Structure formats: C-alpha cells, structure tokens
Amino acid sequence: MKPAVGWTLAVVLAVAGAAGGYWYGMSQGMKQVAPAAPPAPVAPVAEAGRKILYWYDPMYPQQRFDKPGKSPFMDMQLVPKYADEAGAKAPSRSIRASCKTSACAPRRRGRARSR
C-alpha cells in the first residue's frame, strides 16, 4: 500500500471513530439526565401603594410589555417600572456628560512617535 493511501485511510478511520464516540456518548448521556420540571410561575406582586406603569427587560429597556413574564430577548424575568420611580418617563435617546468626565478633559495634540 502506498504511504498516501495509508495516511488517508488512517485519517478517515480516526474521524469516523471520533464521530461514533461522540454519538455514543451523547446517546448514553442523554438517558441519564432527568427532564427538569418547569419552574412554577411567580405571580408578580405590586408593592403596597405603587402603580406599575409597564414591564421591561433590564438588558433591553427600550421594549415595553403590558404584563409580566419572560423576555423574548434574553430569557429573563421582566422587571416592573413603577410610576413613582425617578426617570419613569420615556427613555431618552441622548447622552449627557458632565465636564467631570473625560469628554471635557484636555486632549494632547501632536504626532505619535514610536519608541
């Protein structure tokens, strides 16, 4: 047998063995895992005297929802937005920076030099 044919056969057998081992391991491993019971739905309770304006996903606050549940974006529980919270108005699309931030800090001007 020529060396090129022998190496090709060895690679094909190795890939087939790895694929078979992966398949066998996955089929045996899935038998051992018991299906998880779905979590009981948690009924949202509004705090005494606070009115809920809407529900939102903390990772995607632009989207508002009428009722509690799971977010379709991040698979997280939605969070209530209360009427008496600061900033309860619509989210602003602008960015504000005070002069204490680096936006107003003096910048160096000049050519970059390599050392």
Protein backbone atom coordinates (compact mmCIF):
# COMPACT_ATOMS: atom_id res chain seq x y z
CA MET A 1 0.00 0.00 0.00
CA LYS A 2 1.29 3.48 -0.83
CA PRO A 3 2.01 5.87 2.08
CA ALA A 4 -0.52 8.49 0.87
CA VAL A 5 -3.33 5.93 0.79
CA GLY A 6 -2.36 4.65 4.22
CA TRP A 7 -2.43 8.14 5.77
CA THR A 8 -5.76 8.94 4.13
CA LEU A 9 -7.26 5.70 5.45
CA ALA A 10 -5.92 6.45 8.94
CA VAL A 11 -7.46 9.94 8.94
CA VAL A 12 -10.81 8.66 7.69
CA LEU A 13 -10.90 5.95 10.38
CA ALA A 14 -9.93 8.47 13.10
CA VAL A 15 -12.71 10.86 12.07
CA ALA A 16 -15.24 8.03 11.88
CA GLY A 17 -14.17 6.78 15.32
CA ALA A 18 -14.43 10.26 16.83
CA ALA A 19 -17.88 10.78 15.32
CA GLY A 20 -19.05 7.38 16.55
CA GLY A 21 -17.70 8.02 20.04
CA TYR A 22 -19.39 11.41 20.15
CA TRP A 23 -22.71 9.91 19.03
CA TYR A 24 -22.47 7.10 21.58
CA GLY A 25 -21.55 9.43 24.41
CA MET A 26 -24.40 11.81 23.61
CA SER A 27 -26.93 9.00 23.36
CA GLN A 28 -25.85 7.49 26.70
CA GLY A 29 -25.53 10.85 28.44
CA MET A 30 -29.00 11.98 27.46
CA LYS A 31 -30.51 8.89 29.07
CA GLN A 32 -29.04 9.83 32.45
CA VAL A 33 -30.36 13.40 32.55
CA ALA A 34 -33.82 13.66 34.04
CA PRO A 35 -36.05 16.27 32.45
CA ALA A 36 -36.28 19.36 34.60
CA ALA A 37 -39.67 20.33 35.88
CA PRO A 38 -40.76 23.71 34.58
CA PRO A 39 -40.49 26.38 37.25
CA ALA A 40 -43.71 27.45 38.87
CA PRO A 41 -44.85 30.80 37.54
CA VAL A 42 -44.21 33.55 40.01
CA ALA A 43 -47.13 35.88 40.38
CA PRO A 44 -45.86 39.45 40.42
CA VAL A 45 -46.90 41.35 43.46
CA ALA A 46 -47.01 45.11 43.25
CA GLU A 47 -45.66 46.77 46.34
CA ALA A 48 -48.30 48.43 48.50
CA GLY A 49 -49.47 51.71 47.03
CA ARG A 50 -47.20 51.62 43.97
CA LYS A 51 -48.62 51.63 40.49
CA ILE A 52 -46.86 49.62 37.77
CA LEU A 53 -46.57 51.56 34.52
CA TYR A 54 -45.13 48.79 32.37
CA TRP A 55 -42.75 45.83 32.38
CA TYR A 56 -39.33 45.83 30.73
CA ASP A 57 -36.26 43.68 30.19
CA PRO A 58 -33.30 45.14 32.11
CA MET A 59 -30.96 44.12 29.28
CA TYR A 60 -33.18 45.68 26.60
CA PRO A 61 -35.07 48.53 28.33
CA GLN A 62 -36.36 50.10 25.10
CA GLN A 63 -39.00 47.43 24.70
CA ARG A 64 -42.04 47.67 26.98
CA PHE A 65 -44.51 44.91 27.85
CA ASP A 66 -48.04 45.06 29.26
CA LYS A 67 -47.77 42.04 31.52
CA PRO A 68 -45.05 40.17 33.42
CA GLY A 69 -43.31 37.10 32.12
CA LYS A 70 -40.09 36.16 30.39
CA SER A 71 -38.32 38.44 27.97
CA PRO A 72 -38.15 37.17 24.40
CA PHE A 73 -34.70 38.74 24.03
CA MET A 74 -32.65 37.44 26.96
CA ASP A 75 -34.87 34.77 28.55
CA MET A 76 -35.00 36.76 31.80
CA GLN A 77 -37.88 37.78 34.01
CA LEU A 78 -39.34 41.16 33.14
CA VAL A 79 -38.98 43.92 35.73
CA PRO A 80 -41.76 46.35 36.67
CA LYS A 81 -41.35 50.09 36.17
CA TYR A 82 -43.22 51.98 38.87
CA ALA A 83 -44.88 55.38 38.45
CA ASP A 84 -43.07 56.90 41.44
CA GLU A 85 -39.56 55.89 40.32
CA ALA A 86 -37.18 58.59 39.17
CA GLY A 87 -36.93 58.65 35.42
CA ALA A 88 -40.28 56.96 34.90
CA LYS A 89 -40.76 58.96 31.72
CA ALA A 90 -39.83 57.57 28.33
CA PRO A 91 -36.16 56.71 27.97
CA SER A 92 -34.14 59.45 26.36
CA ARG A 93 -32.11 58.68 23.26
CA SER A 94 -29.48 61.32 24.03
CA ILE A 95 -26.29 61.08 26.06
CA ARG A 96 -25.40 63.68 28.64
CA ALA A 97 -21.92 64.06 30.03
CA SER A 98 -20.72 66.44 32.69
CA CYS A 99 -17.34 68.16 32.47
CA LYS A 100 -16.10 65.81 35.17
CA THR A 101 -15.96 63.02 32.63
CA SER A 102 -13.26 62.52 30.06
CA ALA A 103 -15.39 64.14 27.35
CA CYS A 104 -14.30 67.59 28.54
CA ALA A 105 -10.80 66.65 29.64
CA PRO A 106 -7.94 68.35 27.80
CA ARG A 107 -6.50 66.29 24.99
CA ARG A 108 -2.90 66.06 23.94
CA ARG A 109 -2.21 67.07 20.42
CA GLY A 110 0.79 66.07 18.46
CA ARG A 111 2.29 63.32 16.44
CA ALA A 112 2.53 59.84 17.78
CA ARG A 113 6.10 58.66 17.96
CA SER A 114 7.32 55.11 18.16
CA ARG A 115 9.92 54.40 20.79
